[in-house]
Amino acid sequence: MTLWMQMSLDGFAEGPDQEIHWPMVDEELCESFLDELRAADLFLYGRKTFEMMASFWPTADGDPAISEFYVEFARCWKQTPKLVFSRSMRRANWNSRVVHEGMVEEISRLRQQPDCNMVLFGGAETASAFIRHDLIDEYRLFVHPLVLGSGVPLFPTPAVMADLQLVDVMTFDSAVVQMHYQQATHTTSRISA
């Protein structure tokens, strides 16, 4: 499983009021990873991140003013099965299933399936639970050039990161820096950027 997370320079994945609207996610940032996302078998979300995505992507490909990249991403998003981890959400549309309890057990079961390529988009609480239970194989951390000062950190408790190997670093025109780490136990990278 790969965690894709937007974070501030000071390590926060959500702002002071748990807001997640501050990342500068533009076409350049996403374009080079569309093929990887197309290869994913499952997208994983916390409720807030899913609701944000579901408010735009289901109809984005019908907008005649939108770029071809966004059309392709919208189609990919709609077609890819999604799990939403939420205690309060009752149902989700767009090829999605809500998991209310047993998040760790659900992911552990899915990880036993051969070639189940999962991408976790968050949010911070969901990602932190996966990190605590050692369910993340790869990290794609997108560090944005801003300081939030407070908020919800991606790593709320000290995490053992000694087994991570840096795969690559990319810098975008927006000054966002993507750092790609992989667990050292994985000898080959599925991704080359």
Protein backbone atom coordinates (compact mmCIF):
# COMPACT_ATOMS: atom_id res chain seq x y z
CA MET A 1 0.00 0.00 0.00
CA THR A 2 1.19 3.48 -0.88
CA LEU A 3 0.30 6.53 1.19
CA TRP A 4 -0.06 9.76 -0.83
CA MET A 5 -0.20 12.68 1.58
CA GLN A 6 -0.11 16.45 1.23
CA MET A 7 1.66 18.09 4.16
CA SER A 8 2.97 21.46 5.26
CA LEU A 9 6.64 22.29 5.81
CA ASP A 10 6.06 21.95 9.54
CA GLY A 11 4.60 18.44 9.21
CA PHE A 12 0.85 19.01 9.35
CA ALA A 13 -1.55 17.07 7.12
CA GLU A 14 -4.55 19.14 8.20
CA GLY A 15 -4.76 22.76 9.29
CA PRO A 16 -5.65 24.19 12.73
CA ASP A 17 -9.39 23.61 12.26
CA GLN A 18 -8.78 20.28 10.51
CA GLU A 19 -9.14 22.01 7.13
CA ILE A 20 -7.67 20.31 4.08
CA HIS A 21 -8.23 22.98 1.43
CA TRP A 22 -4.72 24.53 1.62
CA PRO A 23 -2.65 22.13 -0.55
CA MET A 24 -1.73 23.43 -4.02
CA VAL A 25 -2.57 20.29 -6.00
CA ASP A 26 -2.28 21.31 -9.63
CA GLU A 27 -2.08 19.47 -12.93
CA GLU A 28 1.72 19.39 -12.95
CA LEU A 29 1.77 17.75 -9.52
CA CYS A 30 -0.57 14.96 -10.55
CA GLU A 31 0.11 14.47 -14.24
CA SER A 32 3.21 12.31 -13.96
CA PHE A 33 1.42 9.88 -11.62
CA LEU A 34 -1.76 9.27 -13.57
CA ASP A 35 -0.46 5.97 -14.97
CA GLU A 36 0.32 4.75 -11.45
CA LEU A 37 -3.14 5.71 -10.26
CA ARG A 38 -4.71 3.90 -13.22
CA ALA A 39 -2.84 0.77 -12.10
CA ALA A 40 -4.28 0.95 -8.57
CA ASP A 41 -6.87 -1.64 -7.65
CA LEU A 42 -8.31 0.38 -4.78
CA PHE A 43 -8.30 3.96 -3.51
CA LEU A 44 -8.60 4.44 0.27
CA TYR A 45 -9.98 7.55 1.96
CA GLY A 46 -11.01 9.01 5.27
CA ARG A 47 -14.44 10.67 5.19
CA LYS A 48 -13.35 14.30 4.78
CA THR A 49 -10.94 13.60 1.94
CA PHE A 50 -13.50 11.40 0.18
CA GLU A 51 -16.20 14.06 0.48
CA MET A 52 -13.83 16.65 -0.98
CA MET A 53 -12.98 14.36 -3.91
CA ALA A 54 -16.62 13.36 -4.45
CA SER A 55 -17.68 17.00 -4.60
CA PHE A 56 -15.68 17.54 -7.82
CA TRP A 57 -14.45 14.44 -9.68
CA PRO A 58 -17.73 12.62 -10.50
CA THR A 59 -18.82 15.33 -12.94
CA ALA A 60 -15.48 16.94 -13.86
CA ASP A 61 -15.17 15.00 -17.12
CA GLY A 62 -18.41 16.59 -18.35
CA ASP A 63 -17.05 20.14 -18.13
CA PRO A 64 -16.10 21.30 -21.67
CA ALA A 65 -13.62 23.85 -20.25
CA ILE A 66 -11.61 21.31 -18.28
CA SER A 67 -8.22 20.05 -19.50
CA GLU A 68 -7.75 16.60 -20.98
CA PHE A 69 -5.66 15.58 -17.96
CA TYR A 70 -8.50 16.35 -15.57
CA VAL A 71 -10.93 14.46 -17.81
CA GLU A 72 -8.65 11.42 -17.63
CA PHE A 73 -8.20 11.74 -13.87
CA ALA A 74 -11.97 12.05 -13.36
CA ARG A 75 -12.55 8.88 -15.38
CA CYS A 76 -9.84 7.06 -13.42
CA TRP A 77 -11.32 8.24 -10.12
CA LYS A 78 -14.83 7.10 -11.01
CA GLN A 79 -13.74 3.69 -12.33
CA THR A 80 -11.41 2.75 -9.48
CA PRO A 81 -13.09 1.04 -6.51
CA LYS A 82 -12.86 3.06 -3.30
CA LEU A 83 -13.04 2.31 0.42
CA VAL A 84 -14.05 5.11 2.76
CA PHE A 85 -13.21 4.72 6.45
CA SER A 86 -15.81 6.56 8.50
CA ARG A 87 -17.76 6.05 11.68
CA SER A 88 -20.45 8.57 10.64
CA MET A 89 -20.94 8.17 6.88
CA ARG A 90 -23.67 5.66 6.07
CA ARG A 91 -23.10 5.22 2.33
CA ALA A 92 -20.95 6.53 -0.48
CA ASN A 93 -21.56 6.66 -4.21
CA TRP A 94 -19.15 6.43 -7.11
CA ASN A 95 -17.94 2.84 -6.89
CA SER A 96 -17.31 3.24 -3.15
CA ARG A 97 -17.91 1.21 -0.02
CA VAL A 98 -17.91 2.55 3.55
CA VAL A 99 -16.07 0.67 6.30
CA HIS A 100 -17.35 1.69 9.75
CA GLU A 101 -15.29 -0.60 11.97
CA GLY A 102 -12.36 -2.96 11.71
CA MET A 103 -10.23 -0.76 9.45
CA VAL A 104 -6.99 -2.56 10.30
CA GLU A 105 -8.58 -5.98 9.85
CA GLU A 106 -10.08 -4.96 6.50
CA ILE A 107 -6.74 -3.73 5.18
CA SER A 108 -4.87 -6.73 6.56
CA ARG A 109 -7.32 -8.99 4.71
CA LEU A 110 -6.92 -7.04 1.47
CA ARG A 111 -3.12 -7.14 1.77
CA GLN A 112 -3.31 -10.93 1.71
CA GLN A 113 -4.81 -10.86 -1.78
CA PRO A 114 -2.25 -11.19 -4.56
CA ASP A 115 -1.55 -8.00 -6.50
CA CYS A 116 -3.96 -5.77 -4.57
CA ASN A 117 -2.39 -2.38 -5.26
CA MET A 118 -3.91 0.13 -2.81
CA VAL A 119 -3.37 3.89 -2.66
CA LEU A 120 -4.28 5.70 0.56
CA PHE A 121 -5.12 9.38 0.09
CA GLY A 122 -5.95 10.03 3.74
CA GLY A 123 -6.88 11.94 5.79
CA ALA A 124 -4.50 12.40 8.65
CA GLU A 125 -6.35 10.28 11.23
CA THR A 126 -6.73 7.37 8.82
CA ALA A 127 -3.11 7.61 7.66
CA SER A 128 -1.86 7.75 11.26
CA ALA A 129 -3.77 4.59 12.12
CA PHE A 130 -2.24 2.80 9.12
CA ILE A 131 1.24 4.01 10.12
CA ARG A 132 0.76 2.84 13.73
CA HIS A 133 -0.21 -0.62 12.48
CA ASP A 134 2.69 -0.81 9.99
CA LEU A 135 0.39 -1.09 6.96
CA ILE A 136 2.23 1.38 4.72
CA ASP A 137 4.76 -0.02 2.22
CA GLU A 138 5.53 3.23 0.41
CA TYR A 139 5.19 6.93 1.19
CA ARG A 140 4.66 9.71 -1.34
CA LEU A 141 4.85 12.85 0.76
CA PHE A 142 4.05 16.11 -1.01
CA VAL A 143 5.55 18.90 1.09
CA HIS A 144 3.99 22.31 0.39
CA PRO A 145 5.91 25.58 0.86
CA LEU A 146 3.80 26.89 3.72
CA VAL A 147 3.86 26.78 7.50
CA LEU A 148 0.50 26.12 9.18
CA GLY A 149 1.79 26.60 12.73
CA SER A 150 -0.63 24.05 14.15
CA GLY A 151 -3.07 21.44 13.02
CA VAL A 152 -3.17 17.68 12.70
CA PRO A 153 0.30 16.18 12.18
CA LEU A 154 0.86 13.26 9.85
CA PHE A 155 3.04 11.61 12.50
CA PRO A 156 1.32 12.38 15.83
CA THR A 157 3.62 10.08 17.73
CA PRO A 158 7.24 9.25 17.02
CA ALA A 159 7.41 6.80 14.15
CA VAL A 160 10.23 4.42 13.43
CA MET A 161 11.36 5.47 9.96
CA ALA A 162 14.77 3.77 9.98
CA ASP A 163 13.60 1.07 7.59
CA LEU A 164 12.67 3.55 4.87
CA GLN A 165 14.76 4.06 1.77
CA LEU A 166 14.52 7.19 -0.34
CA VAL A 167 13.45 6.23 -3.87
CA ASP A 168 13.33 9.68 -5.44
CA VAL A 169 12.63 13.37 -4.92
CA MET A 170 10.79 15.62 -7.36
CA THR A 171 10.41 19.39 -7.26
CA PHE A 172 7.49 21.04 -9.04
CA ASP A 173 7.08 24.58 -10.41
CA SER A 174 4.72 25.30 -7.49
CA ALA A 175 7.70 24.65 -5.13
CA VAL A 176 6.00 21.52 -3.82
CA VAL A 177 8.54 18.77 -3.17
CA GLN A 178 7.51 15.13 -3.49
CA MET A 179 9.56 12.63 -1.49
CA HIS A 180 9.05 8.97 -2.29
CA TYR A 181 10.12 6.46 0.36
CA GLN A 182 9.81 2.70 0.37
CA GLN A 183 10.12 0.15 3.16
CA ALA A 184 13.62 -1.38 2.98
CA THR A 185 12.13 -4.88 2.91
CA HIS A 186 10.79 -4.15 -0.59
CA THR A 187 13.73 -4.61 -2.91
CA THR A 188 12.18 -3.31 -6.11
CA SER A 189 10.16 -0.21 -6.71
CA ARG A 190 6.90 -0.48 -8.60
CA ILE A 191 7.29 3.16 -9.51
CA SER A 192 9.83 5.12 -11.41
CA ALA A 193 9.28 8.83 -11.66
